[in-house]
C-alpha atoms as a PDB file:
ATOM      1  CA  MET A   1      -0.022  -0.026  -0.046  1.00  0.00           C
ATOM      2  CA  PHE A   2       1.469   3.340  -1.031  1.00  0.00           C
ATOM      3  CA  GLY A   3      -0.118   6.237   0.784  1.00  0.00           C
ATOM      4  CA  LEU A   4      -2.113   6.371   3.984  1.00  0.00           C
ATOM      5  CA  GLY A   5      -4.510   9.157   3.408  1.00  0.00           C
ATOM      6  CA  PRO A   6      -8.267   8.404   3.865  1.00  0.00           C
ATOM      7  CA  ILE A   7      -8.383   5.963   0.971  1.00  0.00           C
ATOM      8  CA  GLY A   8      -5.135   4.170   1.896  1.00  0.00           C
ATOM      9  CA  GLN A   9      -6.189   3.923   5.536  1.00  0.00           C
ATOM     10  CA  MET A  10      -9.508   2.277   4.703  1.00  0.00           C
ATOM     11  CA  ALA A  11      -8.031   0.024   1.938  1.00  0.00           C
ATOM     12  CA  SER A  12      -5.447  -1.149   4.432  1.00  0.00           C
ATOM     13  CA  ARG A  13      -8.062  -1.920   7.059  1.00  0.00           C
ATOM     14  CA  ILE A  14     -10.330  -3.720   4.585  1.00  0.00           C
ATOM     15  CA  ALA A  15      -7.377  -5.857   3.371  1.00  0.00           C
ATOM     16  CA  ARG A  16      -6.459  -6.749   6.938  1.00  0.00           C
ATOM     17  CA  HIS A  17     -10.104  -7.427   7.764  1.00  0.00           C
ATOM     18  CA  ARG A  18     -10.109  -9.950   4.911  1.00  0.00           C
ATOM     19  CA  GLY A  19      -7.004 -11.718   6.280  1.00  0.00           C
ATOM     20  CA  ALA A  20      -4.273 -10.202   4.127  1.00  0.00           C
ATOM     21  CA  ARG A  21      -0.902  -9.092   5.435  1.00  0.00           C
ATOM     22  CA  VAL A  22      -0.638  -5.338   4.768  1.00  0.00           C
ATOM     23  CA  ILE A  23       2.659  -3.436   4.360  1.00  0.00           C
ATOM     24  CA  ALA A  24       2.039   0.288   3.915  1.00  0.00           C
ATOM     25  CA  VAL A  25       4.438   3.070   2.887  1.00  0.00           C
ATOM     26  CA  GLU A  26       3.995   6.618   4.138  1.00  0.00           C
ATOM     27  CA  LEU A  27       5.981   9.621   5.296  1.00  0.00           C
ATOM     28  CA  VAL A  28       3.417  11.742   7.151  1.00  0.00           C
ATOM     29  CA  ARG A  29       3.767  11.043  10.905  1.00  0.00           C
ATOM     30  CA  GLU A  30       0.063  11.365  11.828  1.00  0.00           C
ATOM     31  CA  ARG A  31      -0.916   8.924   9.067  1.00  0.00           C
ATOM     32  CA  ILE A  32       1.717   6.454  10.123  1.00  0.00           C
ATOM     33  CA  GLU A  33       0.531   6.584  13.729  1.00  0.00           C
ATOM     34  CA  MET A  34      -3.117   6.105  12.766  1.00  0.00           C
ATOM     35  CA  ALA A  35      -2.359   3.007  10.612  1.00  0.00           C
ATOM     36  CA  ARG A  36      -0.227   1.488  13.395  1.00  0.00           C
ATOM     37  CA  ARG A  37      -3.104   1.918  15.859  1.00  0.00           C
ATOM     38  CA  HIS A  38      -4.997  -0.430  13.560  1.00  0.00           C
ATOM     39  CA  GLU A  39      -2.140  -2.907  13.464  1.00  0.00           C
ATOM     40  CA  ILE A  40      -1.023  -2.093   9.953  1.00  0.00           C
ATOM     41  CA  GLU A  41       2.688  -2.671   9.286  1.00  0.00           C
ATOM     42  CA  VAL A  42       4.054   0.644   8.086  1.00  0.00           C
ATOM     43  CA  LEU A  43       7.413   1.613   6.551  1.00  0.00           C
ATOM     44  CA  ASP A  44       8.378   5.261   6.935  1.00  0.00           C
ATOM     45  CA  LEU A  45       9.479   6.461   3.484  1.00  0.00           C
ATOM     46  CA  ASP A  46      12.021   8.777   5.054  1.00  0.00           C
ATOM     47  CA  GLU A  47      13.792   5.871   6.734  1.00  0.00           C
ATOM     48  CA  HIS A  48      14.425   3.769   3.598  1.00  0.00           C
ATOM     49  CA  GLU A  49      16.602   4.803   0.651  1.00  0.00           C
ATOM     50  CA  ASP A  50      15.159   1.946  -1.504  1.00  0.00           C
ATOM     51  CA  ILE A  51      11.599   1.324  -0.429  1.00  0.00           C
ATOM     52  CA  ALA A  52      11.048  -1.558  -2.922  1.00  0.00           C
ATOM     53  CA  GLU A  53      14.087  -3.343  -1.526  1.00  0.00           C
ATOM     54  CA  ALA A  54      12.837  -2.780   2.013  1.00  0.00           C
ATOM     55  CA  VAL A  55       9.558  -4.438   1.079  1.00  0.00           C
ATOM     56  CA  ARG A  56      11.278  -7.404  -0.639  1.00  0.00           C
ATOM     57  CA  GLU A  57      13.341  -7.898   2.495  1.00  0.00           C
ATOM     58  CA  ARG A  58      10.067  -8.427   4.330  1.00  0.00           C
ATOM     59  CA  THR A  59       8.615 -10.822   1.724  1.00  0.00           C
ATOM     60  CA  ASP A  60      11.515 -13.239   1.400  1.00  0.00           C
ATOM     61  CA  GLY A  61      12.846 -11.385  -1.644  1.00  0.00           C
ATOM     62  CA  ARG A  62       9.612 -11.888  -3.547  1.00  0.00           C
ATOM     63  CA  GLY A  63       7.780  -8.630  -3.447  1.00  0.00           C
ATOM     64  CA  THR A  64       4.097  -8.255  -2.702  1.00  0.00           C
ATOM     65  CA  ASP A  65       1.260 -10.123  -4.475  1.00  0.00           C
ATOM     66  CA  SER A  66      -0.492  -6.866  -5.077  1.00  0.00           C
ATOM     67  CA  VAL A  67       0.116  -3.119  -4.598  1.00  0.00           C
ATOM     68  CA  ILE A  68      -2.394  -0.359  -4.169  1.00  0.00           C
ATOM     69  CA  ASP A  69      -1.218   3.102  -5.247  1.00  0.00           C
ATOM     70  CA  ALA A  70      -3.464   5.380  -3.166  1.00  0.00           C
ATOM     71  CA  VAL A  71      -1.181   8.401  -3.757  1.00  0.00           C
ATOM     72  CA  GLY A  72      -1.597   9.457  -7.358  1.00  0.00           C
ATOM     73  CA  MET A  73      -0.366  12.565  -9.082  1.00  0.00           C
ATOM     74  CA  GLU A  74       0.538  14.443  -5.904  1.00  0.00           C
ATOM     75  CA  ALA A  75       3.373  12.047  -4.943  1.00  0.00           C
ATOM     76  CA  HIS A  76       6.511  13.361  -3.303  1.00  0.00           C
ATOM     77  CA  GLY A  77       9.830  12.732  -5.124  1.00  0.00           C
ATOM     78  CA  SER A  78       8.910  14.081  -8.562  1.00  0.00           C
ATOM     79  CA  PRO A  79      10.330  17.601  -8.583  1.00  0.00           C
ATOM     80  CA  GLY A  80      10.164  18.045 -12.384  1.00  0.00           C
ATOM     81  CA  ALA A  81       6.497  17.087 -12.675  1.00  0.00           C
ATOM     82  CA  ALA A  82       5.678  19.110  -9.542  1.00  0.00           C
ATOM     83  CA  ALA A  83       7.214  22.238 -11.252  1.00  0.00           C
ATOM     84  CA  MET A  84       5.214  21.547 -14.369  1.00  0.00           C
ATOM     85  CA  GLN A  85       2.037  21.219 -12.415  1.00  0.00           C
ATOM     86  CA  LYS A  86       2.718  24.456 -10.620  1.00  0.00           C
ATOM     87  CA  LEU A  87       3.393  26.192 -13.865  1.00  0.00           C
ATOM     88  CA  GLY A  88       0.110  24.940 -15.326  1.00  0.00           C
ATOM     89  CA  GLY A  89      -1.697  26.326 -12.298  1.00  0.00           C
ATOM     90  CA  MET A  90      -0.356  29.793 -13.135  1.00  0.00           C
ATOM     91  CA  LEU A  91      -1.689  29.785 -16.693  1.00  0.00           C
ATOM     92  CA  PRO A  92      -5.101  31.214 -17.687  1.00  0.00           C
ATOM     93  CA  ASP A  93      -7.776  28.421 -17.501  1.00  0.00           C
ATOM     94  CA  ARG A  94      -8.290  28.208 -21.287  1.00  0.00           C
ATOM     95  CA  ILE A  95      -4.620  27.743 -21.953  1.00  0.00           C
ATOM     96  CA  ALA A  96      -4.025  25.501 -18.982  1.00  0.00           C
ATOM     97  CA  ARG A  97      -6.748  23.149 -20.126  1.00  0.00           C
ATOM     98  CA  LYS A  98      -5.121  22.736 -23.567  1.00  0.00           C
ATOM     99  CA  VAL A  99      -1.696  22.171 -21.949  1.00  0.00           C
ATOM    100  CA  ILE A 100      -3.046  19.450 -19.659  1.00  0.00           C
ATOM    101  CA  GLU A 101      -4.970  17.751 -22.428  1.00  0.00           C
ATOM    102  CA  ASN A 102      -1.872  17.559 -24.652  1.00  0.00           C
ATOM    103  CA  VAL A 103       1.281  17.534 -22.530  1.00  0.00           C
ATOM    104  CA  GLY A 104       0.070  17.069 -18.961  1.00  0.00           C
ATOM    105  CA  VAL A 105       2.414  15.090 -16.713  1.00  0.00           C
ATOM    106  CA  ASP A 106       1.909  13.482 -13.300  1.00  0.00           C
ATOM    107  CA  ARG A 107       4.256  12.870 -10.382  1.00  0.00           C
ATOM    108  CA  LEU A 108       4.913   9.218 -10.848  1.00  0.00           C
ATOM    109  CA  ALA A 109       7.111   8.422  -7.847  1.00  0.00           C
ATOM    110  CA  ALA A 110       4.465   6.272  -6.126  1.00  0.00           C
ATOM    111  CA  LEU A 111       3.473   4.424  -9.309  1.00  0.00           C
ATOM    112  CA  ASN A 112       7.069   3.736 -10.240  1.00  0.00           C
ATOM    113  CA  ALA A 113       7.731   2.449  -6.695  1.00  0.00           C
ATOM    114  CA  SER A 114       4.640   0.227  -7.043  1.00  0.00           C
ATOM    115  CA  ILE A 115       6.038  -1.305 -10.234  1.00  0.00           C
ATOM    116  CA  GLU A 116       9.326  -1.951  -8.488  1.00  0.00           C
ATOM    117  CA  THR A 117       7.677  -3.496  -5.411  1.00  0.00           C
ATOM    118  CA  VAL A 118       5.097  -5.835  -6.893  1.00  0.00           C
ATOM    119  CA  ARG A 119       6.138  -9.451  -7.485  1.00  0.00           C
ATOM    120  CA  ARG A 120       6.300 -10.970 -10.986  1.00  0.00           C
ATOM    121  CA  GLY A 121       2.777 -11.743 -12.205  1.00  0.00           C
ATOM    122  CA  GLY A 122       1.349  -9.510  -9.435  1.00  0.00           C
ATOM    123  CA  THR A 123      -1.342  -6.833  -9.583  1.00  0.00           C
ATOM    124  CA  ILE A 124      -1.181  -3.069  -9.248  1.00  0.00           C
ATOM    125  CA  SER A 125      -4.395  -1.314  -8.343  1.00  0.00           C
ATOM    126  CA  ILE A 126      -4.391   2.470  -8.867  1.00  0.00           C
ATOM    127  CA  SER A 127      -6.938   4.368  -6.768  1.00  0.00           C
ATOM    128  CA  GLY A 128      -4.817   7.511  -6.622  1.00  0.00           C
ATOM    129  CA  VAL A 129      -5.900  10.006  -9.275  1.00  0.00           C
ATOM    130  CA  TYR A 130      -3.761  10.563 -12.316  1.00  0.00           C
ATOM    131  CA  GLY A 131      -4.596  13.009 -15.099  1.00  0.00           C
ATOM    132  CA  GLY A 132      -1.448  13.279 -17.337  1.00  0.00           C
ATOM    133  CA  THR A 133      -1.536  12.557 -20.998  1.00  0.00           C
ATOM    134  CA  ALA A 134       2.219  12.531 -21.647  1.00  0.00           C
ATOM    135  CA  ASP A 135       3.460  10.396 -18.682  1.00  0.00           C
ATOM    136  CA  PRO A 136       6.518   8.187 -19.316  1.00  0.00           C
ATOM    137  CA  LEU A 137       6.037   4.702 -17.899  1.00  0.00           C
ATOM    138  CA  ASN A 138       8.531   1.916 -17.681  1.00  0.00           C
ATOM    139  CA  MET A 139       6.699  -0.331 -20.095  1.00  0.00           C
ATOM    140  CA  MET A 140       9.741  -2.667 -20.430  1.00  0.00           C
ATOM    141  CA  GLN A 141       9.580  -3.498 -16.667  1.00  0.00           C
ATOM    142  CA  LEU A 142       5.802  -3.825 -16.691  1.00  0.00           C
ATOM    143  CA  PHE A 143       6.003  -6.324 -19.573  1.00  0.00           C
ATOM    144  CA  ASP A 144       8.951  -8.231 -18.174  1.00  0.00           C
ATOM    145  CA  LYS A 145       7.200  -8.728 -14.785  1.00  0.00           C
ATOM    146  CA  GLY A 146       3.920  -9.620 -16.353  1.00  0.00           C
ATOM    147  CA  VAL A 147       2.017  -7.155 -14.153  1.00  0.00           C
ATOM    148  CA  GLN A 148      -1.724  -6.764 -14.202  1.00  0.00           C
ATOM    149  CA  ILE A 149      -2.959  -3.177 -13.703  1.00  0.00           C
ATOM    150  CA  ARG A 150      -6.439  -2.218 -12.457  1.00  0.00           C
ATOM    151  CA  MET A 151      -7.480   1.328 -12.178  1.00  0.00           C
ATOM    152  CA  GLY A 152     -10.244   3.906 -12.675  1.00  0.00           C
ATOM    153  CA  GLN A 153     -13.307   5.245 -10.931  1.00  0.00           C
ATOM    154  CA  ALA A 154     -14.675   3.222  -7.990  1.00  0.00           C
ATOM    155  CA  HIS A 155     -17.478   0.859  -8.863  1.00  0.00           C
ATOM    156  CA  VAL A 156     -19.389   2.024  -5.823  1.00  0.00           C
ATOM    157  CA  LYS A 157     -22.834   0.433  -6.433  1.00  0.00           C
ATOM    158  CA  ARG A 158     -21.315  -3.001  -7.001  1.00  0.00           C
ATOM    159  CA  TRP A 159     -19.976  -3.121  -3.402  1.00  0.00           C
ATOM    160  CA  ILE A 160     -22.612  -1.255  -1.396  1.00  0.00           C
ATOM    161  CA  GLY A 161     -24.149  -4.403  -0.035  1.00  0.00           C
ATOM    162  CA  ASP A 162     -20.813  -5.750   1.175  1.00  0.00           C
ATOM    163  CA  LEU A 163     -19.499  -2.449   2.608  1.00  0.00           C
ATOM    164  CA  MET A 164     -22.508  -0.969   4.398  1.00  0.00           C
ATOM    165  CA  PRO A 165     -22.542  -3.563   7.250  1.00  0.00           C
ATOM    166  CA  LEU A 166     -18.858  -2.926   7.835  1.00  0.00           C
ATOM    167  CA  VAL A 167     -19.319   0.848   8.346  1.00  0.00           C
ATOM    168  CA  THR A 168     -22.686   0.839  10.117  1.00  0.00           C
ATOM    169  CA  HIS A 169     -22.396  -2.094  12.564  1.00  0.00           C
ATOM    170  CA  ASP A 170     -21.893  -1.095  16.262  1.00  0.00           C
ATOM    171  CA  SER A 171     -18.733  -3.282  16.402  1.00  0.00           C
ATOM    172  CA  ASP A 172     -17.111  -0.905  13.858  1.00  0.00           C
ATOM    173  CA  PRO A 173     -14.775  -3.651  12.469  1.00  0.00           C
ATOM    174  CA  LEU A 174     -12.910  -1.137  10.244  1.00  0.00           C
ATOM    175  CA  GLY A 175     -12.483   1.507  12.941  1.00  0.00           C
ATOM    176  CA  VAL A 176     -14.300   4.152  10.886  1.00  0.00           C
ATOM    177  CA  MET A 177     -14.948   6.177  14.018  1.00  0.00           C
ATOM    178  CA  ASP A 178     -11.143   6.698  14.295  1.00  0.00           C
ATOM    179  CA  LEU A 179     -10.844   7.934  10.731  1.00  0.00           C
ATOM    180  CA  ALA A 180     -12.130  11.513  10.893  1.00  0.00           C
ATOM    181  CA  THR A 181      -9.599  13.823  12.469  1.00  0.00           C
ATOM    182  CA  HIS A 182     -11.664  16.999  11.917  1.00  0.00           C
ATOM    183  CA  ARG A 183     -15.405  17.811  11.875  1.00  0.00           C
ATOM    184  CA  LEU A 184     -16.140  21.261  10.522  1.00  0.00           C
ATOM    185  CA  PRO A 185     -19.196  23.237   9.638  1.00  0.00           C
ATOM    186  CA  LEU A 186     -19.876  23.593   5.880  1.00  0.00           C
ATOM    187  CA  ASP A 187     -18.839  27.254   5.851  1.00  0.00           C
ATOM    188  CA  GLU A 188     -15.347  26.180   6.964  1.00  0.00           C
ATOM    189  CA  ALA A 189     -14.892  23.878   3.911  1.00  0.00           C
ATOM    190  CA  PRO A 190     -12.163  26.069   2.329  1.00  0.00           C
ATOM    191  CA  HIS A 191     -10.179  25.902   5.585  1.00  0.00           C
ATOM    192  CA  GLY A 192     -10.659  22.120   5.699  1.00  0.00           C
ATOM    193  CA  TYR A 193      -9.428  21.645   2.133  1.00  0.00           C
ATOM    194  CA  GLU A 194      -6.406  23.836   2.861  1.00  0.00           C
ATOM    195  CA  ILE A 195      -5.208  22.045   5.996  1.00  0.00           C
ATOM    196  CA  PHE A 196      -5.712  18.668   4.298  1.00  0.00           C
ATOM    197  CA  GLN A 197      -3.829  19.683   1.148  1.00  0.00           C
ATOM    198  CA  LYS A 198      -0.972  21.195   3.213  1.00  0.00           C
ATOM    199  CA  LYS A 199      -0.991  18.326   5.748  1.00  0.00           C
ATOM    200  CA  GLN A 200      -1.495  20.747   8.669  1.00  0.00           C
ATOM    201  CA  ASP A 201      -2.915  20.259  12.123  1.00  0.00           C
ATOM    202  CA  GLY A 202      -2.833  16.420  11.752  1.00  0.00           C
ATOM    203  CA  ALA A 203      -5.558  16.484   9.108  1.00  0.00           C
ATOM    204  CA  ILE A 204      -6.265  13.089   7.564  1.00  0.00           C
ATOM    205  CA  LYS A 205     -10.006  12.908   7.077  1.00  0.00           C
ATOM    206  CA  ILE A 206     -12.226  15.987   7.335  1.00  0.00           C
ATOM    207  CA  VAL A 207     -16.030  15.604   7.695  1.00  0.00           C
ATOM    208  CA  LEU A 208     -18.122  18.649   6.728  1.00  0.00           C
ATOM    209  CA  GLN A 209     -21.362  18.922   8.701  1.00  0.00           C
ATOM    210  CA  PRO A 210     -24.171  21.072   7.193  1.00  0.00           C
END
């Protein structure tokens, strides 16, 4: 699991609930601590020079059967793409839209690490959002390892019947009551988005209450 924001937290808990061993990668202290409260095995990205190798060491050199990229295009470790995204944000909307449609690039650090980490014949599931149209991917490595990639919008209706009991039952098997770090009135939504985006005040999941 790459990324322990709200999606990564819940995906980790669901995987563990279903009996899987979960190894998560994160660098934000509050997110690491929250995951560990729920008995998720977490590697601090700042403590490992080669995160894929660190994961292989914990899986007998094999790599993981599957990887979830819950980070997406805001990944750390991609300074060139970050600069391009910042530049795009400074352009007039009409021009920026054309640039993104034709030469948009994402920060691919998390996705590249996912490719490195997954075992041969494994699966990468991408829930983090990507929007680039000119992203360079290591197709040789993907082909050589025989990796299956799943991605796209969540098929929400398909899983409602399975998920609702997990989030509404009094036993709270996924610990959803521990997920929201902030509850704010609707008129404070801009502040909520800001502290989440800037990772301030320990913000992990913000619930807006009308």
